[in-house]
Protein backbone atom coordinates (compact mmCIF):
# COMPACT_ATOMS: atom_id res chain seq x y z
CA MET A 1 99.31 21.94 0.49
CA ALA A 2 100.96 19.12 -1.39
CA GLY A 3 98.71 16.13 -1.66
CA THR A 4 95.65 18.00 -2.81
CA ALA A 5 96.42 17.20 -6.43
CA VAL A 6 94.15 14.80 -8.23
CA ARG A 7 95.48 11.32 -8.93
CA GLY A 8 96.24 12.01 -12.60
CA ARG A 9 98.61 14.90 -11.70
CA LEU A 10 100.73 12.91 -9.26
CA SER A 11 104.02 11.42 -10.35
CA TRP A 12 105.41 8.01 -9.51
CA GLN A 13 108.59 7.98 -7.43
CA VAL A 14 110.84 5.21 -6.17
CA ALA A 15 110.47 4.29 -2.50
CA THR A 16 113.06 2.28 -0.59
CA VAL A 17 111.85 -0.02 2.17
CA ALA A 18 113.33 1.23 5.45
CA ALA A 19 111.86 -1.39 7.79
CA VAL A 20 109.12 -4.00 8.08
CA THR A 21 107.15 -4.82 11.23
CA GLU A 22 105.03 -7.95 11.59
CA GLU A 23 101.72 -6.86 13.14
CA THR A 24 99.84 -10.18 12.98
CA ASP A 25 100.29 -13.48 11.14
CA SER A 26 98.92 -11.89 7.95
CA VAL A 27 99.62 -8.17 8.39
CA ARG A 28 102.83 -6.17 8.26
CA THR A 29 103.71 -2.50 8.39
CA ILE A 30 106.20 -1.25 5.79
CA ALA A 31 108.15 1.93 6.50
CA LEU A 32 109.28 3.75 3.35
CA ASP A 33 112.11 6.13 2.59
CA LEU A 34 110.83 8.73 0.11
CA PRO A 35 113.26 11.65 -0.29
CA ASP A 36 110.84 13.57 -2.53
CA TRP A 37 107.70 12.98 -0.46
CA PRO A 38 105.68 16.24 -0.23
CA GLY A 39 104.11 15.43 3.14
CA HIS A 40 100.74 13.91 3.96
CA ARG A 41 97.74 14.28 6.25
CA ALA A 42 96.37 11.63 8.58
CA GLY A 43 93.74 9.67 6.65
CA GLN A 44 95.24 9.96 3.18
CA HIS A 45 96.38 7.03 1.05
CA LEU A 46 98.89 6.25 -1.66
CA ASP A 47 99.26 3.99 -4.68
CA VAL A 48 101.86 1.24 -4.94
CA ARG A 49 103.00 -0.14 -8.31
CA LEU A 50 104.98 -3.35 -8.71
CA THR A 51 106.47 -4.26 -12.08
CA ALA A 52 107.63 -7.77 -12.99
CA GLU A 53 110.67 -8.55 -15.14
CA ASP A 54 108.38 -9.23 -18.11
CA GLY A 55 106.91 -5.73 -17.83
CA TYR A 56 103.61 -6.71 -16.24
CA SER A 57 102.61 -4.25 -13.54
CA ALA A 58 99.97 -4.19 -10.82
CA GLU A 59 98.77 -1.24 -8.77
CA ARG A 60 97.04 -1.13 -5.39
CA SER A 61 96.00 1.67 -3.03
CA TYR A 62 96.93 1.56 0.66
CA SER A 63 96.05 3.88 3.50
CA ILE A 64 98.98 5.70 5.03
CA ALA A 65 99.56 4.36 8.53
CA SER A 66 101.68 7.24 9.82
CA ALA A 67 100.74 10.66 11.15
CA ASP A 68 101.51 14.05 9.64
CA GLY A 69 105.24 14.66 9.86
CA GLU A 70 106.15 11.00 10.44
CA PRO A 71 108.01 8.91 7.85
CA VAL A 72 105.63 7.29 5.37
CA ALA A 73 104.40 3.82 6.28
CA ILE A 74 101.68 1.51 5.00
CA THR A 75 100.13 -1.49 6.70
CA VAL A 76 99.22 -4.36 4.37
CA GLU A 77 96.93 -7.32 5.02
CA ARG A 78 97.72 -10.42 2.98
CA LEU A 79 95.04 -11.69 0.63
CA GLU A 80 96.18 -15.16 -0.40
CA ASP A 81 94.77 -14.85 -3.92
CA GLY A 82 96.05 -11.31 -4.38
CA GLU A 83 98.67 -10.14 -6.88
CA VAL A 84 100.39 -7.59 -4.64
CA SER A 85 99.77 -8.23 -0.94
CA PRO A 86 101.42 -11.71 -0.77
CA TYR A 87 104.65 -10.20 -2.08
CA LEU A 88 104.49 -7.18 0.23
CA THR A 89 103.77 -9.29 3.31
CA ARG A 90 106.10 -12.22 2.62
CA GLU A 91 108.90 -11.32 0.22
CA LEU A 92 109.62 -7.62 0.65
CA ARG A 93 112.76 -6.81 2.65
CA PRO A 94 114.49 -3.62 3.87
CA GLY A 95 116.44 -2.12 1.00
CA ASP A 96 113.97 -3.31 -1.65
CA GLN A 97 112.37 -0.70 -3.87
CA MET A 98 108.94 -0.09 -5.36
CA GLU A 99 107.08 2.74 -7.04
CA VAL A 100 104.76 4.96 -5.03
CA ARG A 101 102.36 7.77 -5.98
CA GLY A 102 100.69 10.10 -3.52
CA PRO A 103 99.48 11.32 -1.15
CA ILE A 104 95.89 11.05 -2.34
CA GLY A 105 92.56 12.12 -0.90
CA ASN A 106 91.40 14.89 1.41
CA TRP A 107 87.88 13.81 2.40
CA PHE A 108 88.92 11.20 4.96
CA THR A 109 91.44 13.36 6.81
CA TRP A 110 91.55 14.95 10.23
CA GLY A 111 93.53 17.72 11.89
CA PRO A 112 93.12 19.40 15.29
CA HIS A 113 91.33 22.35 13.64
CA ASP A 114 88.56 19.93 12.55
CA GLY A 115 87.54 19.46 16.18
CA GLY A 116 85.42 16.67 17.60
CA PRO A 117 84.62 14.76 19.66
CA LEU A 118 85.85 12.00 17.38
CA LEU A 119 84.21 8.62 16.86
CA LEU A 120 86.44 6.19 14.95
CA VAL A 121 84.94 2.87 13.84
CA ALA A 122 87.17 0.27 12.18
CA GLY A 123 86.59 -3.11 10.62
CA GLY A 124 89.71 -5.29 10.23
CA SER A 125 92.52 -3.48 8.43
CA GLY A 126 90.25 -0.44 8.22
CA VAL A 127 91.99 0.58 11.43
CA VAL A 128 95.04 1.76 9.45
CA PRO A 129 94.01 5.36 8.62
CA LEU A 130 92.32 5.66 12.02
CA ARG A 131 95.61 4.77 13.68
CA ALA A 132 97.19 7.63 11.69
CA ILE A 133 94.50 9.96 13.06
CA LEU A 134 95.12 8.77 16.63
CA ARG A 135 98.86 9.29 16.24
CA HIS A 136 98.40 12.75 14.74
CA ARG A 137 96.08 13.73 17.58
CA GLN A 138 98.70 12.65 20.12
CA ARG A 139 101.63 14.26 18.30
CA SER A 140 99.79 17.56 17.90
CA GLY A 141 98.89 17.72 21.59
CA SER A 142 95.18 17.88 20.78
CA SER A 143 92.77 17.38 23.67
CA VAL A 144 89.84 16.50 21.40
CA PRO A 145 88.11 13.46 22.99
CA VAL A 146 88.17 10.34 20.83
CA ARG A 147 86.64 6.90 20.96
CA LEU A 148 87.71 4.01 18.75
CA LEU A 149 85.47 0.98 18.23
CA TYR A 150 87.48 -1.72 16.47
CA SER A 151 85.80 -4.85 15.05
CA SER A 152 88.15 -7.80 14.51
CA ARG A 153 87.75 -11.52 13.94
CA SER A 154 89.76 -12.43 17.04
CA LEU A 155 92.15 -10.83 19.51
CA ALA A 156 95.09 -12.26 17.54
CA ASP A 157 93.85 -10.38 14.46
CA VAL A 158 93.85 -6.97 16.17
CA ILE A 159 96.37 -4.80 14.32
CA TYR A 160 98.51 -2.40 16.42
CA ARG A 161 97.16 -4.04 19.58
CA GLU A 162 100.07 -3.07 21.83
CA GLU A 163 99.94 0.54 20.65
CA LEU A 164 96.17 0.79 20.96
CA ASP A 165 96.18 -0.77 24.42
CA GLN A 166 98.45 2.03 25.56
CA CYS A 167 96.02 4.77 24.53
CA GLY A 168 94.76 6.56 27.57
CA GLY A 169 93.48 9.84 28.89
CA SER A 170 90.87 11.24 26.55
CA ALA A 171 91.32 8.40 24.02
CA GLU A 172 89.12 5.35 24.58
CA VAL A 173 89.61 2.09 22.66
CA ARG A 174 87.00 -0.67 22.61
CA TYR A 175 87.19 -3.97 20.73
CA THR A 176 84.48 -6.26 19.47
CA LEU A 177 85.51 -9.78 18.42
CA THR A 178 83.25 -11.35 15.82
CA ARG A 179 84.47 -14.97 15.54
CA SER A 180 86.27 -16.01 18.71
CA GLN A 181 86.85 -14.57 22.15
CA PRO A 182 89.52 -15.62 24.66
CA PRO A 183 88.52 -17.00 28.08
CA GLY A 184 87.40 -14.23 30.40
CA TRP A 185 86.85 -11.76 27.54
CA SER A 186 85.09 -8.66 28.87
CA GLY A 187 84.89 -6.65 25.67
CA PHE A 188 82.17 -6.67 23.04
CA SER A 189 81.36 -9.72 20.93
CA GLY A 190 79.73 -9.91 17.52
CA ARG A 191 79.18 -7.44 14.74
CA VAL A 192 78.76 -3.73 15.37
CA ASP A 193 75.05 -3.03 15.88
CA ASP A 194 72.89 -0.27 17.28
CA PRO A 195 72.96 -1.45 20.93
CA MET A 196 76.77 -1.51 20.74
CA LEU A 197 76.90 1.97 19.24
CA ALA A 198 74.50 3.17 21.93
CA ARG A 199 77.21 2.32 24.47
CA VAL A 200 80.14 3.78 22.54
CA ALA A 201 79.00 6.57 20.22
CA TRP A 202 78.95 10.18 21.33
CA PRO A 203 75.44 11.66 21.57
CA ALA A 204 74.47 13.47 18.38
CA SER A 205 73.82 16.60 20.45
CA GLN A 206 77.61 16.94 20.88
CA ARG A 207 78.03 17.17 17.08
CA PRO A 208 80.69 14.46 16.90
CA LEU A 209 82.78 13.80 13.81
CA ALA A 210 82.76 10.14 12.77
CA PHE A 211 85.30 8.26 10.64
CA ILE A 212 84.42 4.72 9.50
CA CYS A 213 86.79 2.46 7.55
CA GLY A 214 86.60 -1.20 6.58
CA PRO A 215 84.92 -3.53 4.08
CA THR A 216 82.10 -1.88 2.15
CA PRO A 217 79.19 -3.75 3.86
CA PHE A 218 80.63 -2.91 7.29
CA VAL A 219 81.08 0.77 6.47
CA GLU A 220 77.61 1.15 4.96
CA ALA A 221 75.93 -0.59 7.89
CA VAL A 222 77.69 1.52 10.54
CA ALA A 223 77.11 4.76 8.62
CA GLU A 224 73.39 4.01 8.35
CA LEU A 225 73.21 3.28 12.08
CA LEU A 226 74.91 6.57 12.94
CA VAL A 227 72.66 8.59 10.64
CA ALA A 228 69.67 6.86 12.27
CA ARG A 229 71.12 8.08 15.57
CA HIS A 230 70.86 11.63 14.14
CA TYR A 231 74.48 12.11 13.15
CA PRO A 232 74.50 14.59 10.23
CA ALA A 233 75.58 12.77 7.07
CA SER A 234 78.14 15.51 6.43
CA ARG A 235 79.89 14.57 9.68
CA VAL A 236 80.07 10.85 8.92
CA LYS A 237 83.18 10.26 6.81
CA THR A 238 83.66 6.86 5.21
CA GLU A 239 86.47 4.96 3.52
CA ARG A 240 85.78 1.56 1.93
CA PHE A 241 87.87 -1.27 0.58
CA GLY A 242 86.91 -4.44 -1.26
CA GLY A 243 88.73 -7.12 0.76
CA ALA A 244 87.09 -8.67 3.83
């Protein structure tokens, strides 16, 4: 299918911003109009290129936040010292244009034929491709059981909170807050560790499929814990990014 091409074979195309949604104080989702988009799979990403009037350009990769068949959207967390994210999260408006290349990547993707049960573990904005997987599962009518463990600094920093809180049935969502917890908080607190995974992760005997996304130290730590819990390494899929 389209999207399996390597990065060097993909062409840049102009995307028009269709809408922006403020998710948190520092995160926004940007819906894009791409008439020539070939289609994507949940878990893939794309490249964004911004070019200044003097010709200077900067490129960044962002996970696709939408499911298969949905209009393309990305969710961007602002890094105050960044070259691209401050513009995307503060200045960009509907009708603005930017260059996009993609979709990219097939390792960190899921479709109903891949089965489960699914264990999704997110750190911060690492929830973006996992949200795409959750949406694709729902849109496809899949009954594959899924559990999401989402680590965030505080409840106010939880991206897609309203949407995630509405997950039900065979989709379970659990939060752990690492820096501050509201009064009466009954969820997890602190960093993801083995005792926490013991309460959330599917038993290895069920041959679950795990997807982990977030900052590199977070991803590596969780992956090691799952392998120690006898998850086959081939069924622990990881996606890393540099920002905390």
